[in-house]
Amino acid sequence: GKPDFDHLLQKFGEAVVPVANCDVKEYNSNPKEQLPFKEYIKYWKEYIKNGYRSSRGCLYLKDWHLSR
């Protein structure tokens, strides 16, 4: 029922992924930035640890499709 962060980091840690900030609106959508997946996982762990709050807002891994 929970993500296996260690496995995901091992397989995809260096991948660059699109991340949207759900707390910000720009022209009817959320702005996106490119982050290394390992940085997104670090954010995700901190977000959970801090009671689902972050000074960076609510970041969402958007439109990233896993591949072999």
N, C-alpha and C. Protein backbone atom coordinates (compact mmCIF):
# COMPACT_ATOMS: atom_id res chain seq x y z
N GLY A 1 0.77 -1.20 0.00
CA GLY A 1 0.00 0.00 0.00
C GLY A 1 0.82 1.27 0.00
N LYS A 2 2.16 1.17 0.10
CA LYS A 2 3.00 2.37 0.09
C LYS A 2 4.07 2.23 -0.98
N PRO A 3 4.52 3.36 -1.53
CA PRO A 3 5.57 3.30 -2.55
C PRO A 3 6.88 2.76 -1.97
N ASP A 4 7.59 1.98 -2.77
CA ASP A 4 8.91 1.48 -2.39
C ASP A 4 9.94 2.50 -2.91
N PHE A 5 10.19 3.52 -2.10
CA PHE A 5 11.07 4.61 -2.51
C PHE A 5 12.46 4.11 -2.90
N ASP A 6 13.01 3.18 -2.13
CA ASP A 6 14.35 2.68 -2.42
C ASP A 6 14.41 2.02 -3.80
N HIS A 7 13.42 1.21 -4.11
CA HIS A 7 13.38 0.56 -5.43
C HIS A 7 13.24 1.59 -6.54
N LEU A 8 12.34 2.54 -6.36
CA LEU A 8 12.14 3.58 -7.38
C LEU A 8 13.42 4.39 -7.60
N LEU A 9 14.10 4.74 -6.51
CA LEU A 9 15.35 5.49 -6.62
C LEU A 9 16.42 4.68 -7.34
N GLN A 10 16.49 3.41 -7.05
CA GLN A 10 17.48 2.55 -7.68
C GLN A 10 17.25 2.48 -9.19
N LYS A 11 16.01 2.35 -9.59
CA LYS A 11 15.67 2.19 -11.01
C LYS A 11 15.64 3.50 -11.79
N PHE A 12 15.15 4.58 -11.14
CA PHE A 12 14.86 5.81 -11.88
C PHE A 12 15.47 7.08 -11.29
N GLY A 13 16.35 6.94 -10.30
CA GLY A 13 16.87 8.10 -9.57
C GLY A 13 17.45 9.20 -10.42
N GLU A 14 18.10 8.86 -11.52
CA GLU A 14 18.75 9.86 -12.36
C GLU A 14 17.85 10.41 -13.47
N ALA A 15 16.68 9.84 -13.64
CA ALA A 15 15.77 10.32 -14.69
C ALA A 15 15.31 11.74 -14.38
N VAL A 16 15.13 12.53 -15.43
CA VAL A 16 14.59 13.88 -15.30
C VAL A 16 13.10 13.79 -15.58
N VAL A 17 12.30 14.34 -14.65
CA VAL A 17 10.85 14.17 -14.72
C VAL A 17 10.13 15.51 -14.67
N PRO A 18 8.94 15.60 -15.28
CA PRO A 18 8.15 16.83 -15.22
C PRO A 18 7.34 16.88 -13.92
N VAL A 19 7.45 17.99 -13.23
CA VAL A 19 6.77 18.16 -11.94
C VAL A 19 5.95 19.45 -11.99
N ALA A 20 4.67 19.35 -11.66
CA ALA A 20 3.77 20.50 -11.64
C ALA A 20 3.56 20.96 -10.20
N ASN A 21 3.42 22.27 -10.02
CA ASN A 21 3.11 22.83 -8.70
C ASN A 21 1.60 23.07 -8.66
N CYS A 22 0.90 22.24 -7.91
CA CYS A 22 -0.57 22.30 -7.85
C CYS A 22 -1.10 23.52 -7.09
N ASP A 23 -0.23 24.22 -6.38
CA ASP A 23 -0.67 25.39 -5.61
C ASP A 23 -0.58 26.69 -6.42
N VAL A 24 -0.12 26.61 -7.66
CA VAL A 24 0.06 27.81 -8.49
C VAL A 24 -0.70 27.60 -9.81
N LYS A 25 -1.37 28.66 -10.25
CA LYS A 25 -2.08 28.62 -11.53
C LYS A 25 -1.44 29.61 -12.49
N GLU A 26 -1.20 29.17 -13.72
CA GLU A 26 -0.73 30.03 -14.80
C GLU A 26 -1.59 29.76 -16.02
N TYR A 27 -2.38 30.71 -16.40
CA TYR A 27 -3.22 30.56 -17.59
C TYR A 27 -4.05 29.29 -17.59
N ASN A 28 -4.67 28.92 -16.59
CA ASN A 28 -5.56 27.75 -16.56
C ASN A 28 -4.84 26.41 -16.36
N SER A 29 -3.56 26.45 -16.01
CA SER A 29 -2.84 25.20 -15.73
C SER A 29 -1.79 25.46 -14.66
N ASN A 30 -1.13 24.41 -14.24
CA ASN A 30 -0.10 24.53 -13.22
C ASN A 30 1.27 24.57 -13.88
N PRO A 31 2.15 25.48 -13.42
CA PRO A 31 3.48 25.54 -14.01
C PRO A 31 4.25 24.26 -13.73
N LYS A 32 5.08 23.87 -14.70
CA LYS A 32 5.88 22.65 -14.56
C LYS A 32 7.36 23.01 -14.59
N GLU A 33 8.13 22.18 -13.92
CA GLU A 33 9.58 22.28 -13.98
C GLU A 33 10.13 20.87 -14.16
N GLN A 34 11.36 20.78 -14.58
CA GLN A 34 12.03 19.49 -14.75
C GLN A 34 12.94 19.28 -13.54
N LEU A 35 12.80 18.13 -12.89
CA LEU A 35 13.62 17.79 -11.72
C LEU A 35 14.18 16.39 -11.88
N PRO A 36 15.35 16.14 -11.30
CA PRO A 36 15.79 14.75 -11.21
C PRO A 36 14.81 13.98 -10.32
N PHE A 37 14.49 12.77 -10.70
CA PHE A 37 13.53 11.97 -9.94
C PHE A 37 13.96 11.85 -8.48
N LYS A 38 15.26 11.70 -8.22
CA LYS A 38 15.74 11.57 -6.84
C LYS A 38 15.42 12.82 -6.02
N GLU A 39 15.40 14.00 -6.64
CA GLU A 39 15.03 15.22 -5.92
C GLU A 39 13.53 15.23 -5.62
N TYR A 40 12.73 14.73 -6.56
CA TYR A 40 11.30 14.65 -6.32
C TYR A 40 10.99 13.69 -5.18
N ILE A 41 11.68 12.54 -5.13
CA ILE A 41 11.48 11.58 -4.04
C ILE A 41 11.87 12.21 -2.70
N LYS A 42 12.95 12.96 -2.69
CA LYS A 42 13.36 13.66 -1.46
C LYS A 42 12.25 14.61 -1.00
N TYR A 43 11.70 15.38 -1.95
CA TYR A 43 10.59 16.28 -1.65
C TYR A 43 9.41 15.47 -1.10
N TRP A 44 9.05 14.37 -1.75
CA TRP A 44 7.90 13.55 -1.38
C TRP A 44 8.03 13.03 0.05
N LYS A 45 9.21 12.53 0.40
CA LYS A 45 9.44 12.03 1.76
C LYS A 45 9.29 13.15 2.79
N GLU A 46 9.87 14.32 2.49
CA GLU A 46 9.76 15.46 3.40
C GLU A 46 8.32 15.94 3.51
N TYR A 47 7.59 15.93 2.41
CA TYR A 47 6.18 16.34 2.38
C TYR A 47 5.36 15.47 3.32
N ILE A 48 5.58 14.16 3.27
CA ILE A 48 4.88 13.23 4.16
C ILE A 48 5.27 13.49 5.61
N LYS A 49 6.59 13.59 5.84
CA LYS A 49 7.11 13.79 7.19
C LYS A 49 6.58 15.08 7.83
N ASN A 50 6.35 16.11 7.02
CA ASN A 50 5.88 17.41 7.52
C ASN A 50 4.36 17.53 7.52
N GLY A 51 3.66 16.43 7.59
CA GLY A 51 2.20 16.47 7.65
C GLY A 51 1.55 16.92 6.36
N TYR A 52 2.15 16.54 5.22
CA TYR A 52 1.63 16.89 3.90
C TYR A 52 1.60 18.39 3.69
N ARG A 53 2.72 19.01 4.07
CA ARG A 53 2.93 20.45 3.87
C ARG A 53 4.35 20.68 3.39
N SER A 54 4.52 21.72 2.58
CA SER A 54 5.86 22.07 2.13
C SER A 54 5.89 23.54 1.73
N SER A 55 7.01 24.18 1.98
CA SER A 55 7.17 25.57 1.54
C SER A 55 7.24 25.64 0.01
N ARG A 56 7.49 24.51 -0.64
CA ARG A 56 7.54 24.46 -2.11
C ARG A 56 6.15 24.28 -2.71
N GLY A 57 5.15 24.05 -1.88
CA GLY A 57 3.80 23.80 -2.38
C GLY A 57 3.57 22.32 -2.57
N CYS A 58 2.48 22.00 -3.24
CA CYS A 58 2.13 20.61 -3.51
C CYS A 58 2.63 20.26 -4.92
N LEU A 59 3.72 19.52 -4.98
CA LEU A 59 4.30 19.14 -6.26
C LEU A 59 3.74 17.80 -6.71
N TYR A 60 3.49 17.71 -8.01
CA TYR A 60 2.85 16.54 -8.60
C TYR A 60 3.67 16.05 -9.78
N LEU A 61 4.06 14.80 -9.74
CA LEU A 61 4.79 14.20 -10.85
C LEU A 61 3.80 14.00 -11.99
N LYS A 62 3.90 14.82 -13.03
CA LYS A 62 2.86 14.87 -14.06
C LYS A 62 3.37 14.39 -15.41
N ASP A 63 2.60 13.51 -16.01
CA ASP A 63 2.85 13.07 -17.40
C ASP A 63 4.21 12.42 -17.60
N TRP A 64 4.68 11.73 -16.57
CA TRP A 64 5.92 10.97 -16.74
C TRP A 64 5.54 9.51 -16.93
N HIS A 65 6.02 8.92 -17.98
CA HIS A 65 5.66 7.55 -18.31
C HIS A 65 6.88 6.66 -18.10
N LEU A 66 6.75 5.71 -17.19
CA LEU A 66 7.86 4.79 -16.92
C LEU A 66 8.14 3.97 -18.17
N SER A 67 9.41 3.69 -18.39
CA SER A 67 9.79 2.81 -19.50
C SER A 67 10.85 1.84 -19.02
N ARG A 68 11.01 0.78 -19.75
CA ARG A 68 12.04 -0.20 -19.37
C ARG A 68 13.40 0.34 -19.67
